[in-house]
Protein backbone atom coordinates (compact mmCIF):
# COMPACT_ATOMS: atom_id res chain seq x y z
CA UNK A 1 0.00 0.00 0.00
CA UNK A 2 1.19 3.52 -0.80
CA UNK A 3 2.31 5.32 2.36
CA UNK A 4 1.93 9.08 2.80
CA UNK A 5 3.28 11.23 5.62
CA UNK A 6 1.19 14.29 6.56
CA UNK A 7 3.07 16.98 8.52
CA UNK A 8 0.31 19.34 9.66
CA UNK A 9 -0.45 20.94 13.03
CA UNK A 10 -4.04 22.03 12.31
CA UNK A 11 -6.17 19.06 13.47
CA UNK A 12 -9.10 19.94 11.17
CA UNK A 13 -6.98 20.16 8.04
CA UNK A 14 -5.02 17.05 9.01
CA UNK A 15 -8.28 15.14 9.49
CA UNK A 16 -9.58 16.20 6.07
CA UNK A 17 -6.33 15.19 4.38
CA UNK A 18 -6.18 11.87 6.25
CA UNK A 19 -9.81 10.97 5.57
CA UNK A 20 -9.64 11.64 1.83
CA UNK A 21 -6.35 9.81 1.50
CA UNK A 22 -7.63 6.79 3.38
CA UNK A 23 -10.80 6.76 1.27
CA UNK A 24 -8.48 6.52 -1.73
CA UNK A 25 -6.66 3.56 -0.16
CA UNK A 26 -3.50 5.34 1.00
CA UNK A 27 -1.86 4.48 4.30
CA UNK A 28 -1.43 7.68 6.31
CA UNK A 29 0.93 8.68 9.10
CA UNK A 30 0.43 12.04 10.81
CA UNK A 31 3.03 14.35 12.40
CA UNK A 32 1.89 17.51 14.17
CA UNK A 33 5.24 19.32 14.58
CA UNK A 34 8.19 19.95 12.32
CA UNK A 35 10.49 18.03 14.66
CA UNK A 36 8.25 14.96 14.61
CA UNK A 37 7.91 15.22 10.85
CA UNK A 38 11.67 15.21 10.29
CA UNK A 39 12.12 12.22 12.58
CA UNK A 40 9.37 10.20 10.87
CA UNK A 41 10.54 11.12 7.37
CA UNK A 42 14.10 10.04 8.08
CA UNK A 43 13.31 6.82 9.95
CA UNK A 44 10.42 5.41 7.90
CA UNK A 45 9.73 4.62 4.28
CA UNK A 46 7.06 6.80 2.68
CA UNK A 47 6.01 7.32 -0.93
CA UNK A 48 5.01 11.00 -0.63
CA UNK A 49 5.00 13.79 1.97
CA UNK A 50 2.35 16.49 2.47
CA UNK A 51 4.17 19.29 4.28
CA UNK A 52 2.58 22.36 5.85
CA UNK A 53 4.70 25.53 5.99
CA UNK A 54 3.51 27.03 9.27
CA UNK A 55 4.52 24.39 11.82
CA UNK A 56 5.54 24.53 15.49
CA UNK A 57 9.19 23.91 16.46
CA UNK A 58 10.53 23.71 12.89
CA UNK A 59 8.76 25.41 9.98
CA UNK A 60 8.02 23.62 6.73
CA UNK A 61 10.88 25.27 4.83
CA UNK A 62 13.41 24.00 7.36
CA UNK A 63 11.79 20.56 7.41
CA UNK A 64 12.13 20.38 3.63
CA UNK A 65 15.74 21.54 3.84
CA UNK A 66 16.62 18.89 6.43
CA UNK A 67 15.02 15.91 4.72
CA UNK A 68 15.30 16.58 1.00
CA UNK A 69 18.90 15.45 0.51
CA UNK A 70 18.07 12.17 2.29
CA UNK A 71 14.50 11.54 1.12
CA UNK A 72 14.00 10.97 -2.59
CA UNK A 73 10.20 11.07 -2.85
CA UNK A 74 7.66 13.75 -3.88
CA UNK A 75 7.18 16.54 -1.33
CA UNK A 76 4.05 18.69 -1.71
CA UNK A 77 3.98 21.83 0.41
CA UNK A 78 0.60 22.92 1.77
CA UNK A 79 0.41 26.64 2.48
CA UNK A 80 -2.05 29.41 3.29
CA UNK A 81 0.46 31.94 2.07
CA UNK A 82 -0.12 33.40 -1.38
CA UNK A 83 3.19 35.17 -1.90
CA UNK A 84 5.15 33.93 -4.93
CA UNK A 85 8.38 34.22 -2.94
CA UNK A 86 7.15 31.53 -0.54
CA UNK A 87 6.38 29.19 -3.42
CA UNK A 88 9.74 29.86 -5.05
CA UNK A 89 11.55 29.31 -1.74
CA UNK A 90 9.80 26.00 -1.16
CA UNK A 91 10.50 24.80 -4.69
CA UNK A 92 14.09 25.95 -4.42
CA UNK A 93 14.52 23.87 -1.28
CA UNK A 94 13.41 20.76 -3.15
CA UNK A 95 9.63 20.65 -2.85
CA UNK A 96 8.02 19.20 -5.96
CA UNK A 97 4.82 21.25 -5.89
CA UNK A 98 2.54 23.26 -3.62
CA UNK A 99 -1.13 23.26 -2.67
CA UNK A 100 -2.80 26.44 -1.45
CA UNK A 101 -5.28 26.50 1.44
CA UNK A 102 -8.20 26.31 1.23
CA UNK A 103 -7.93 23.44 -1.23
CA UNK A 104 -10.41 21.15 -2.89
CA UNK A 105 -10.04 17.54 -1.71
CA UNK A 106 -10.39 16.53 -5.35
CA UNK A 107 -7.43 18.71 -6.33
CA UNK A 108 -5.43 17.30 -3.42
CA UNK A 109 -6.00 13.72 -4.53
CA UNK A 110 -5.38 14.59 -8.20
CA UNK A 111 -2.02 16.18 -7.38
CA UNK A 112 -0.97 13.27 -5.21
CA UNK A 113 -1.88 10.72 -7.87
CA UNK A 114 -0.12 12.74 -10.56
CA UNK A 115 3.12 13.08 -8.60
CA UNK A 116 3.15 9.44 -7.52
CA UNK A 117 2.57 8.28 -11.10
CA UNK A 118 5.19 10.65 -12.51
CA UNK A 119 7.72 9.61 -9.90
CA UNK A 120 7.11 5.96 -10.67
CA UNK A 121 7.47 6.46 -14.43
CA UNK A 122 10.64 8.48 -14.19
CA UNK A 123 12.40 6.26 -11.66
CA UNK A 124 11.68 2.90 -13.30
CA UNK A 125 15.19 1.77 -14.08
CA UNK A 126 14.12 -0.83 -16.64
CA UNK A 127 12.74 1.91 -18.88
CA UNK A 128 16.07 3.73 -19.16
CA UNK A 129 19.73 3.10 -19.82
CA UNK A 130 21.78 2.97 -16.66
CA UNK A 131 24.42 5.50 -17.75
CA UNK A 132 23.97 8.71 -19.70
CA UNK A 133 27.35 10.32 -20.39
CA UNK A 134 27.63 13.52 -22.38
CA UNK A 135 30.85 15.47 -22.35
CA UNK A 136 31.90 16.20 -18.76
CA UNK A 137 28.61 15.05 -17.23
CA UNK A 138 27.74 11.46 -16.31
CA UNK A 139 24.32 10.51 -14.98
CA UNK A 140 23.52 7.06 -13.59
CA UNK A 141 19.77 6.40 -13.68
CA UNK A 142 20.05 3.23 -11.63
CA UNK A 143 21.99 4.66 -8.69
CA UNK A 144 20.59 8.20 -9.08
CA UNK A 145 24.11 9.66 -9.00
CA UNK A 146 25.53 12.49 -11.10
CA UNK A 147 29.19 13.27 -11.71
CA UNK A 148 30.38 16.54 -13.22
CA UNK A 149 34.04 16.73 -14.23
CA UNK A 150 34.60 13.70 -12.00
CA UNK A 151 33.02 15.27 -8.91
CA UNK A 152 29.75 13.90 -7.55
CA UNK A 153 26.88 16.40 -7.33
CA UNK A 154 23.87 15.80 -5.09
CA UNK A 155 20.64 16.47 -6.98
CA UNK A 156 17.11 16.50 -5.64
CA UNK A 157 14.53 14.29 -7.32
CA UNK A 158 13.06 16.81 -9.76
CA UNK A 159 16.49 18.27 -10.53
CA UNK A 160 17.70 14.79 -11.44
CA UNK A 161 14.65 14.10 -13.60
CA UNK A 162 14.98 17.42 -15.38
CA UNK A 163 18.68 16.96 -16.09
CA UNK A 164 18.07 13.39 -17.26
CA UNK A 165 15.36 14.49 -19.69
CA UNK A 166 17.52 17.28 -21.11
CA UNK A 167 20.52 14.95 -21.50
CA UNK A 168 18.37 12.39 -23.28
CA UNK A 169 17.42 15.11 -25.77
CA UNK A 170 20.61 17.09 -26.41
CA UNK A 171 20.35 20.22 -28.60
CA UNK A 172 16.53 20.04 -28.58
CA UNK A 173 14.78 23.17 -27.35
CA UNK A 174 11.94 22.80 -24.84
CA UNK A 175 9.63 25.50 -23.53
CA UNK A 176 8.80 25.87 -19.85
CA UNK A 177 5.42 24.28 -20.54
CA UNK A 178 7.09 21.35 -22.33
CA UNK A 179 9.40 20.70 -19.41
CA UNK A 180 6.70 21.19 -16.79
CA UNK A 181 4.38 18.72 -18.53
CA UNK A 182 7.18 16.20 -18.98
CA UNK A 183 8.63 16.31 -15.46
CA UNK A 184 5.69 17.35 -13.28
CA UNK A 185 2.94 15.80 -15.42
CA UNK A 186 0.26 17.23 -17.70
CA UNK A 187 -2.36 16.71 -15.03
CA UNK A 188 -0.35 18.49 -12.36
CA UNK A 189 -1.83 21.76 -11.18
CA UNK A 190 0.97 24.20 -10.57
CA UNK A 191 3.13 26.99 -11.95
CA UNK A 192 5.70 26.69 -14.74
CA UNK A 193 7.86 29.15 -12.77
CA UNK A 194 9.14 26.08 -10.95
CA UNK A 195 10.96 25.10 -14.16
CA UNK A 196 13.09 28.26 -14.04
CA UNK A 197 13.83 27.65 -10.35
CA UNK A 198 15.05 24.12 -11.06
CA UNK A 199 17.04 25.22 -14.13
CA UNK A 200 18.87 27.82 -12.04
CA UNK A 201 19.59 25.24 -9.36
CA UNK A 202 20.99 22.81 -11.95
CA UNK A 203 23.22 25.52 -13.37
CA UNK A 204 24.63 26.19 -9.90
CA UNK A 205 25.46 22.51 -9.58
CA UNK A 206 26.89 21.63 -13.00
CA UNK A 207 28.12 24.82 -14.65
CA UNK A 208 31.59 26.28 -14.10
CA UNK A 209 30.05 29.76 -14.39
CA UNK A 210 26.30 29.50 -13.64
CA UNK A 211 25.64 33.02 -14.98
CA UNK A 212 27.22 32.03 -18.31
CA UNK A 213 26.07 28.42 -18.71
CA UNK A 214 27.79 26.13 -21.18
CA UNK A 215 25.45 23.16 -20.90
CA UNK A 216 21.93 24.32 -19.97
CA UNK A 217 21.37 27.26 -22.27
CA UNK A 218 18.44 29.63 -22.60
CA UNK A 219 16.96 30.14 -26.05
CA UNK A 220 15.36 33.52 -25.52
CA UNK A 221 11.66 33.61 -26.21
CA UNK A 222 11.54 29.83 -26.67
CA UNK A 223 12.90 27.82 -23.75
CA UNK A 224 15.96 25.77 -22.79
CA UNK A 225 18.30 23.25 -24.36
CA UNK A 226 21.17 21.02 -23.24
CA UNK A 227 24.53 21.28 -24.98
CA UNK A 228 27.04 18.47 -24.26
C-alpha atoms as a PDB file:
ATOM      1  CA  UNK A   1       0.000   0.000   0.000  1.00  0.00           C
ATOM      2  CA  UNK A   2       1.190   3.515  -0.805  1.00  0.00           C
ATOM      3  CA  UNK A   3       2.313   5.323   2.362  1.00  0.00           C
ATOM      4  CA  UNK A   4       1.928   9.079   2.802  1.00  0.00           C
ATOM      5  CA  UNK A   5       3.284  11.233   5.616  1.00  0.00           C
ATOM      6  CA  UNK A   6       1.193  14.291   6.558  1.00  0.00           C
ATOM      7  CA  UNK A   7       3.074  16.982   8.517  1.00  0.00           C
ATOM      8  CA  UNK A   8       0.309  19.341   9.659  1.00  0.00           C
ATOM      9  CA  UNK A   9      -0.446  20.939  13.034  1.00  0.00           C
ATOM     10  CA  UNK A  10      -4.037  22.028  12.305  1.00  0.00           C
ATOM     11  CA  UNK A  11      -6.165  19.064  13.465  1.00  0.00           C
ATOM     12  CA  UNK A  12      -9.100  19.941  11.172  1.00  0.00           C
ATOM     13  CA  UNK A  13      -6.976  20.164   8.039  1.00  0.00           C
ATOM     14  CA  UNK A  14      -5.022  17.051   9.009  1.00  0.00           C
ATOM     15  CA  UNK A  15      -8.278  15.143   9.494  1.00  0.00           C
ATOM     16  CA  UNK A  16      -9.575  16.203   6.074  1.00  0.00           C
ATOM     17  CA  UNK A  17      -6.330  15.193   4.381  1.00  0.00           C
ATOM     18  CA  UNK A  18      -6.179  11.872   6.246  1.00  0.00           C
ATOM     19  CA  UNK A  19      -9.811  10.973   5.568  1.00  0.00           C
ATOM     20  CA  UNK A  20      -9.637  11.641   1.826  1.00  0.00           C
ATOM     21  CA  UNK A  21      -6.350   9.814   1.495  1.00  0.00           C
ATOM     22  CA  UNK A  22      -7.630   6.787   3.377  1.00  0.00           C
ATOM     23  CA  UNK A  23     -10.800   6.763   1.268  1.00  0.00           C
ATOM     24  CA  UNK A  24      -8.480   6.517  -1.731  1.00  0.00           C
ATOM     25  CA  UNK A  25      -6.659   3.562  -0.156  1.00  0.00           C
ATOM     26  CA  UNK A  26      -3.501   5.342   0.998  1.00  0.00           C
ATOM     27  CA  UNK A  27      -1.861   4.475   4.301  1.00  0.00           C
ATOM     28  CA  UNK A  28      -1.432   7.683   6.314  1.00  0.00           C
ATOM     29  CA  UNK A  29       0.932   8.682   9.103  1.00  0.00           C
ATOM     30  CA  UNK A  30       0.429  12.037  10.815  1.00  0.00           C
ATOM     31  CA  UNK A  31       3.026  14.346  12.401  1.00  0.00           C
ATOM     32  CA  UNK A  32       1.892  17.512  14.173  1.00  0.00           C
ATOM     33  CA  UNK A  33       5.239  19.316  14.575  1.00  0.00           C
ATOM     34  CA  UNK A  34       8.193  19.949  12.323  1.00  0.00           C
ATOM     35  CA  UNK A  35      10.493  18.032  14.655  1.00  0.00           C
ATOM     36  CA  UNK A  36       8.255  14.959  14.612  1.00  0.00           C
ATOM     37  CA  UNK A  37       7.909  15.223  10.849  1.00  0.00           C
ATOM     38  CA  UNK A  38      11.672  15.214  10.287  1.00  0.00           C
ATOM     39  CA  UNK A  39      12.123  12.217  12.580  1.00  0.00           C
ATOM     40  CA  UNK A  40       9.369  10.203  10.875  1.00  0.00           C
ATOM     41  CA  UNK A  41      10.540  11.124   7.373  1.00  0.00           C
ATOM     42  CA  UNK A  42      14.100  10.043   8.078  1.00  0.00           C
ATOM     43  CA  UNK A  43      13.310   6.821   9.950  1.00  0.00           C
ATOM     44  CA  UNK A  44      10.425   5.407   7.902  1.00  0.00           C
ATOM     45  CA  UNK A  45       9.731   4.623   4.283  1.00  0.00           C
ATOM     46  CA  UNK A  46       7.064   6.803   2.675  1.00  0.00           C
ATOM     47  CA  UNK A  47       6.010   7.319  -0.927  1.00  0.00           C
ATOM     48  CA  UNK A  48       5.010  10.998  -0.628  1.00  0.00           C
ATOM     49  CA  UNK A  49       5.001  13.788   1.970  1.00  0.00           C
ATOM     50  CA  UNK A  50       2.350  16.494   2.472  1.00  0.00           C
ATOM     51  CA  UNK A  51       4.170  19.289   4.281  1.00  0.00           C
ATOM     52  CA  UNK A  52       2.585  22.358   5.852  1.00  0.00           C
ATOM     53  CA  UNK A  53       4.703  25.528   5.985  1.00  0.00           C
ATOM     54  CA  UNK A  54       3.509  27.026   9.269  1.00  0.00           C
ATOM     55  CA  UNK A  55       4.521  24.392  11.819  1.00  0.00           C
ATOM     56  CA  UNK A  56       5.542  24.530  15.486  1.00  0.00           C
ATOM     57  CA  UNK A  57       9.192  23.915  16.461  1.00  0.00           C
ATOM     58  CA  UNK A  58      10.528  23.710  12.890  1.00  0.00           C
ATOM     59  CA  UNK A  59       8.756  25.408   9.976  1.00  0.00           C
ATOM     60  CA  UNK A  60       8.023  23.621   6.726  1.00  0.00           C
ATOM     61  CA  UNK A  61      10.878  25.274   4.834  1.00  0.00           C
ATOM     62  CA  UNK A  62      13.412  23.997   7.360  1.00  0.00           C
ATOM     63  CA  UNK A  63      11.786  20.560   7.407  1.00  0.00           C
ATOM     64  CA  UNK A  64      12.133  20.379   3.633  1.00  0.00           C
ATOM     65  CA  UNK A  65      15.743  21.540   3.840  1.00  0.00           C
ATOM     66  CA  UNK A  66      16.624  18.892   6.427  1.00  0.00           C
ATOM     67  CA  UNK A  67      15.023  15.913   4.717  1.00  0.00           C
ATOM     68  CA  UNK A  68      15.302  16.584   1.000  1.00  0.00           C
ATOM     69  CA  UNK A  69      18.895  15.448   0.513  1.00  0.00           C
ATOM     70  CA  UNK A  70      18.066  12.166   2.293  1.00  0.00           C
ATOM     71  CA  UNK A  71      14.496  11.543   1.119  1.00  0.00           C
ATOM     72  CA  UNK A  72      13.998  10.972  -2.592  1.00  0.00           C
ATOM     73  CA  UNK A  73      10.195  11.070  -2.853  1.00  0.00           C
ATOM     74  CA  UNK A  74       7.663  13.748  -3.883  1.00  0.00           C
ATOM     75  CA  UNK A  75       7.182  16.537  -1.327  1.00  0.00           C
ATOM     76  CA  UNK A  76       4.047  18.685  -1.713  1.00  0.00           C
ATOM     77  CA  UNK A  77       3.978  21.829   0.405  1.00  0.00           C
ATOM     78  CA  UNK A  78       0.598  22.925   1.768  1.00  0.00           C
ATOM     79  CA  UNK A  79       0.409  26.637   2.481  1.00  0.00           C
ATOM     80  CA  UNK A  80      -2.045  29.406   3.293  1.00  0.00           C
ATOM     81  CA  UNK A  81       0.461  31.945   2.071  1.00  0.00           C
ATOM     82  CA  UNK A  82      -0.125  33.397  -1.378  1.00  0.00           C
ATOM     83  CA  UNK A  83       3.186  35.171  -1.900  1.00  0.00           C
ATOM     84  CA  UNK A  84       5.150  33.927  -4.926  1.00  0.00           C
ATOM     85  CA  UNK A  85       8.382  34.222  -2.938  1.00  0.00           C
ATOM     86  CA  UNK A  86       7.155  31.532  -0.535  1.00  0.00           C
ATOM     87  CA  UNK A  87       6.381  29.191  -3.420  1.00  0.00           C
ATOM     88  CA  UNK A  88       9.735  29.862  -5.053  1.00  0.00           C
ATOM     89  CA  UNK A  89      11.550  29.313  -1.743  1.00  0.00           C
ATOM     90  CA  UNK A  90       9.798  26.003  -1.161  1.00  0.00           C
ATOM     91  CA  UNK A  91      10.504  24.799  -4.688  1.00  0.00           C
ATOM     92  CA  UNK A  92      14.088  25.953  -4.424  1.00  0.00           C
ATOM     93  CA  UNK A  93      14.520  23.868  -1.282  1.00  0.00           C
ATOM     94  CA  UNK A  94      13.408  20.757  -3.147  1.00  0.00           C
ATOM     95  CA  UNK A  95       9.629  20.646  -2.855  1.00  0.00           C
ATOM     96  CA  UNK A  96       8.021  19.200  -5.957  1.00  0.00           C
ATOM     97  CA  UNK A  97       4.818  21.254  -5.888  1.00  0.00           C
ATOM     98  CA  UNK A  98       2.542  23.256  -3.617  1.00  0.00           C
ATOM     99  CA  UNK A  99      -1.132  23.258  -2.673  1.00  0.00           C
ATOM    100  CA  UNK A 100      -2.805  26.442  -1.449  1.00  0.00           C
ATOM    101  CA  UNK A 101      -5.279  26.497   1.439  1.00  0.00           C
ATOM    102  CA  UNK A 102      -8.201  26.308   1.231  1.00  0.00           C
ATOM    103  CA  UNK A 103      -7.928  23.438  -1.230  1.00  0.00           C
ATOM    104  CA  UNK A 104     -10.407  21.152  -2.890  1.00  0.00           C
ATOM    105  CA  UNK A 105     -10.043  17.538  -1.707  1.00  0.00           C
ATOM    106  CA  UNK A 106     -10.389  16.527  -5.349  1.00  0.00           C
ATOM    107  CA  UNK A 107      -7.432  18.713  -6.328  1.00  0.00           C
ATOM    108  CA  UNK A 108      -5.426  17.297  -3.420  1.00  0.00           C
ATOM    109  CA  UNK A 109      -5.995  13.719  -4.533  1.00  0.00           C
ATOM    110  CA  UNK A 110      -5.376  14.585  -8.201  1.00  0.00           C
ATOM    111  CA  UNK A 111      -2.023  16.177  -7.380  1.00  0.00           C
ATOM    112  CA  UNK A 112      -0.971  13.274  -5.211  1.00  0.00           C
ATOM    113  CA  UNK A 113      -1.883  10.716  -7.874  1.00  0.00           C
ATOM    114  CA  UNK A 114      -0.115  12.743 -10.560  1.00  0.00           C
ATOM    115  CA  UNK A 115       3.121  13.078  -8.596  1.00  0.00           C
ATOM    116  CA  UNK A 116       3.147   9.440  -7.522  1.00  0.00           C
ATOM    117  CA  UNK A 117       2.574   8.276 -11.102  1.00  0.00           C
ATOM    118  CA  UNK A 118       5.188  10.652 -12.510  1.00  0.00           C
ATOM    119  CA  UNK A 119       7.719   9.610  -9.905  1.00  0.00           C
ATOM    120  CA  UNK A 120       7.111   5.958 -10.674  1.00  0.00           C
ATOM    121  CA  UNK A 121       7.470   6.462 -14.426  1.00  0.00           C
ATOM    122  CA  UNK A 122      10.645   8.479 -14.194  1.00  0.00           C
ATOM    123  CA  UNK A 123      12.397   6.259 -11.659  1.00  0.00           C
ATOM    124  CA  UNK A 124      11.679   2.905 -13.302  1.00  0.00           C
ATOM    125  CA  UNK A 125      15.189   1.769 -14.084  1.00  0.00           C
ATOM    126  CA  UNK A 126      14.119  -0.830 -16.639  1.00  0.00           C
ATOM    127  CA  UNK A 127      12.739   1.907 -18.883  1.00  0.00           C
ATOM    128  CA  UNK A 128      16.070   3.734 -19.162  1.00  0.00           C
ATOM    129  CA  UNK A 129      19.728   3.100 -19.823  1.00  0.00           C
ATOM    130  CA  UNK A 130      21.782   2.968 -16.664  1.00  0.00           C
ATOM    131  CA  UNK A 131      24.422   5.498 -17.745  1.00  0.00           C
ATOM    132  CA  UNK A 132      23.970   8.711 -19.703  1.00  0.00           C
ATOM    133  CA  UNK A 133      27.352  10.315 -20.386  1.00  0.00           C
ATOM    134  CA  UNK A 134      27.627  13.524 -22.380  1.00  0.00           C
ATOM    135  CA  UNK A 135      30.855  15.472 -22.347  1.00  0.00           C
ATOM    136  CA  UNK A 136      31.896  16.198 -18.762  1.00  0.00           C
ATOM    137  CA  UNK A 137      28.607  15.052 -17.229  1.00  0.00           C
ATOM    138  CA  UNK A 138      27.743  11.463 -16.314  1.00  0.00           C
ATOM    139  CA  UNK A 139      24.316  10.508 -14.979  1.00  0.00           C
ATOM    140  CA  UNK A 140      23.521   7.063 -13.591  1.00  0.00           C
ATOM    141  CA  UNK A 141      19.773   6.401 -13.676  1.00  0.00           C
ATOM    142  CA  UNK A 142      20.051   3.228 -11.628  1.00  0.00           C
ATOM    143  CA  UNK A 143      21.986   4.663  -8.688  1.00  0.00           C
ATOM    144  CA  UNK A 144      20.585   8.203  -9.075  1.00  0.00           C
ATOM    145  CA  UNK A 145      24.109   9.660  -9.004  1.00  0.00           C
ATOM    146  CA  UNK A 146      25.526  12.489 -11.097  1.00  0.00           C
ATOM    147  CA  UNK A 147      29.188  13.275 -11.709  1.00  0.00           C
ATOM    148  CA  UNK A 148      30.379  16.543 -13.218  1.00  0.00           C
ATOM    149  CA  UNK A 149      34.041  16.732 -14.227  1.00  0.00           C
ATOM    150  CA  UNK A 150      34.603  13.701 -11.999  1.00  0.00           C
ATOM    151  CA  UNK A 151      33.017  15.275  -8.912  1.00  0.00           C
ATOM    152  CA  UNK A 152      29.747  13.904  -7.549  1.00  0.00           C
ATOM    153  CA  UNK A 153      26.883  16.398  -7.327  1.00  0.00           C
ATOM    154  CA  UNK A 154      23.872  15.803  -5.085  1.00  0.00           C
ATOM    155  CA  UNK A 155      20.642  16.473  -6.976  1.00  0.00           C
ATOM    156  CA  UNK A 156      17.112  16.500  -5.643  1.00  0.00           C
ATOM    157  CA  UNK A 157      14.528  14.291  -7.324  1.00  0.00           C
ATOM    158  CA  UNK A 158      13.064  16.811  -9.765  1.00  0.00           C
ATOM    159  CA  UNK A 159      16.491  18.269 -10.533  1.00  0.00           C
ATOM    160  CA  UNK A 160      17.703  14.792 -11.438  1.00  0.00           C
ATOM    161  CA  UNK A 161      14.653  14.097 -13.602  1.00  0.00           C
ATOM    162  CA  UNK A 162      14.977  17.423 -15.378  1.00  0.00           C
ATOM    163  CA  UNK A 163      18.684  16.957 -16.093  1.00  0.00           C
ATOM    164  CA  UNK A 164      18.069  13.394 -17.260  1.00  0.00           C
ATOM    165  CA  UNK A 165      15.363  14.492 -19.692  1.00  0.00           C
ATOM    166  CA  UNK A 166      17.522  17.279 -21.114  1.00  0.00           C
ATOM    167  CA  UNK A 167      20.519  14.950 -21.504  1.00  0.00           C
ATOM    168  CA  UNK A 168      18.373  12.387 -23.283  1.00  0.00           C
ATOM    169  CA  UNK A 169      17.418  15.108 -25.768  1.00  0.00           C
ATOM    170  CA  UNK A 170      20.610  17.094 -26.409  1.00  0.00           C
ATOM    171  CA  UNK A 171      20.348  20.219 -28.596  1.00  0.00           C
ATOM    172  CA  UNK A 172      16.529  20.035 -28.580  1.00  0.00           C
ATOM    173  CA  UNK A 173      14.778  23.173 -27.350  1.00  0.00           C
ATOM    174  CA  UNK A 174      11.941  22.805 -24.836  1.00  0.00           C
ATOM    175  CA  UNK A 175       9.626  25.503 -23.534  1.00  0.00           C
ATOM    176  CA  UNK A 176       8.796  25.873 -19.850  1.00  0.00           C
ATOM    177  CA  UNK A 177       5.422  24.279 -20.540  1.00  0.00           C
ATOM    178  CA  UNK A 178       7.089  21.353 -22.332  1.00  0.00           C
ATOM    179  CA  UNK A 179       9.403  20.700 -19.407  1.00  0.00           C
ATOM    180  CA  UNK A 180       6.700  21.186 -16.787  1.00  0.00           C
ATOM    181  CA  UNK A 181       4.381  18.722 -18.528  1.00  0.00           C
ATOM    182  CA  UNK A 182       7.181  16.201 -18.978  1.00  0.00           C
ATOM    183  CA  UNK A 183       8.630  16.310 -15.461  1.00  0.00           C
ATOM    184  CA  UNK A 184       5.694  17.347 -13.284  1.00  0.00           C
ATOM    185  CA  UNK A 185       2.938  15.800 -15.417  1.00  0.00           C
ATOM    186  CA  UNK A 186       0.262  17.234 -17.701  1.00  0.00           C
ATOM    187  CA  UNK A 187      -2.361  16.708 -15.027  1.00  0.00           C
ATOM    188  CA  UNK A 188      -0.347  18.492 -12.362  1.00  0.00           C
ATOM    189  CA  UNK A 189      -1.825  21.760 -11.178  1.00  0.00           C
ATOM    190  CA  UNK A 190       0.969  24.205 -10.570  1.00  0.00           C
ATOM    191  CA  UNK A 191       3.132  26.992 -11.945  1.00  0.00           C
ATOM    192  CA  UNK A 192       5.696  26.694 -14.739  1.00  0.00           C
ATOM    193  CA  UNK A 193       7.857  29.149 -12.771  1.00  0.00           C
ATOM    194  CA  UNK A 194       9.139  26.084 -10.948  1.00  0.00           C
ATOM    195  CA  UNK A 195      10.957  25.096 -14.158  1.00  0.00           C
ATOM    196  CA  UNK A 196      13.095  28.258 -14.044  1.00  0.00           C
ATOM    197  CA  UNK A 197      13.833  27.650 -10.347  1.00  0.00           C
ATOM    198  CA  UNK A 198      15.049  24.124 -11.057  1.00  0.00           C
ATOM    199  CA  UNK A 199      17.037  25.220 -14.130  1.00  0.00           C
ATOM    200  CA  UNK A 200      18.866  27.824 -12.043  1.00  0.00           C
ATOM    201  CA  UNK A 201      19.586  25.245  -9.361  1.00  0.00           C
ATOM    202  CA  UNK A 202      20.988  22.808 -11.952  1.00  0.00           C
ATOM    203  CA  UNK A 203      23.221  25.517 -13.369  1.00  0.00           C
ATOM    204  CA  UNK A 204      24.628  26.193  -9.904  1.00  0.00           C
ATOM    205  CA  UNK A 205      25.460  22.511  -9.584  1.00  0.00           C
ATOM    206  CA  UNK A 206      26.886  21.631 -12.996  1.00  0.00           C
ATOM    207  CA  UNK A 207      28.123  24.821 -14.647  1.00  0.00           C
ATOM    208  CA  UNK A 208      31.586  26.283 -14.098  1.00  0.00           C
ATOM    209  CA  UNK A 209      30.047  29.757 -14.390  1.00  0.00           C
ATOM    210  CA  UNK A 210      26.297  29.502 -13.643  1.00  0.00           C
ATOM    211  CA  UNK A 211      25.640  33.016 -14.984  1.00  0.00           C
ATOM    212  CA  UNK A 212      27.216  32.026 -18.315  1.00  0.00           C
ATOM    213  CA  UNK A 213      26.068  28.415 -18.713  1.00  0.00           C
ATOM    214  CA  UNK A 214      27.785  26.132 -21.175  1.00  0.00           C
ATOM    215  CA  UNK A 215      25.453  23.157 -20.901  1.00  0.00           C
ATOM    216  CA  UNK A 216      21.930  24.319 -19.973  1.00  0.00           C
ATOM    217  CA  UNK A 217      21.366  27.258 -22.265  1.00  0.00           C
ATOM    218  CA  UNK A 218      18.442  29.625 -22.596  1.00  0.00           C
ATOM    219  CA  UNK A 219      16.962  30.136 -26.048  1.00  0.00           C
ATOM    220  CA  UNK A 220      15.358  33.515 -25.521  1.00  0.00           C
ATOM    221  CA  UNK A 221      11.662  33.605 -26.208  1.00  0.00           C
ATOM    222  CA  UNK A 222      11.544  29.826 -26.674  1.00  0.00           C
ATOM    223  CA  UNK A 223      12.901  27.824 -23.749  1.00  0.00           C
ATOM    224  CA  UNK A 224      15.956  25.768 -22.785  1.00  0.00           C
ATOM    225  CA  UNK A 225      18.300  23.253 -24.365  1.00  0.00           C
ATOM    226  CA  UNK A 226      21.165  21.021 -23.235  1.00  0.00           C
ATOM    227  CA  UNK A 227      24.530  21.281 -24.977  1.00  0.00           C
ATOM    228  CA  UNK A 228      27.038  18.467 -24.258  1.00  0.00           C
END
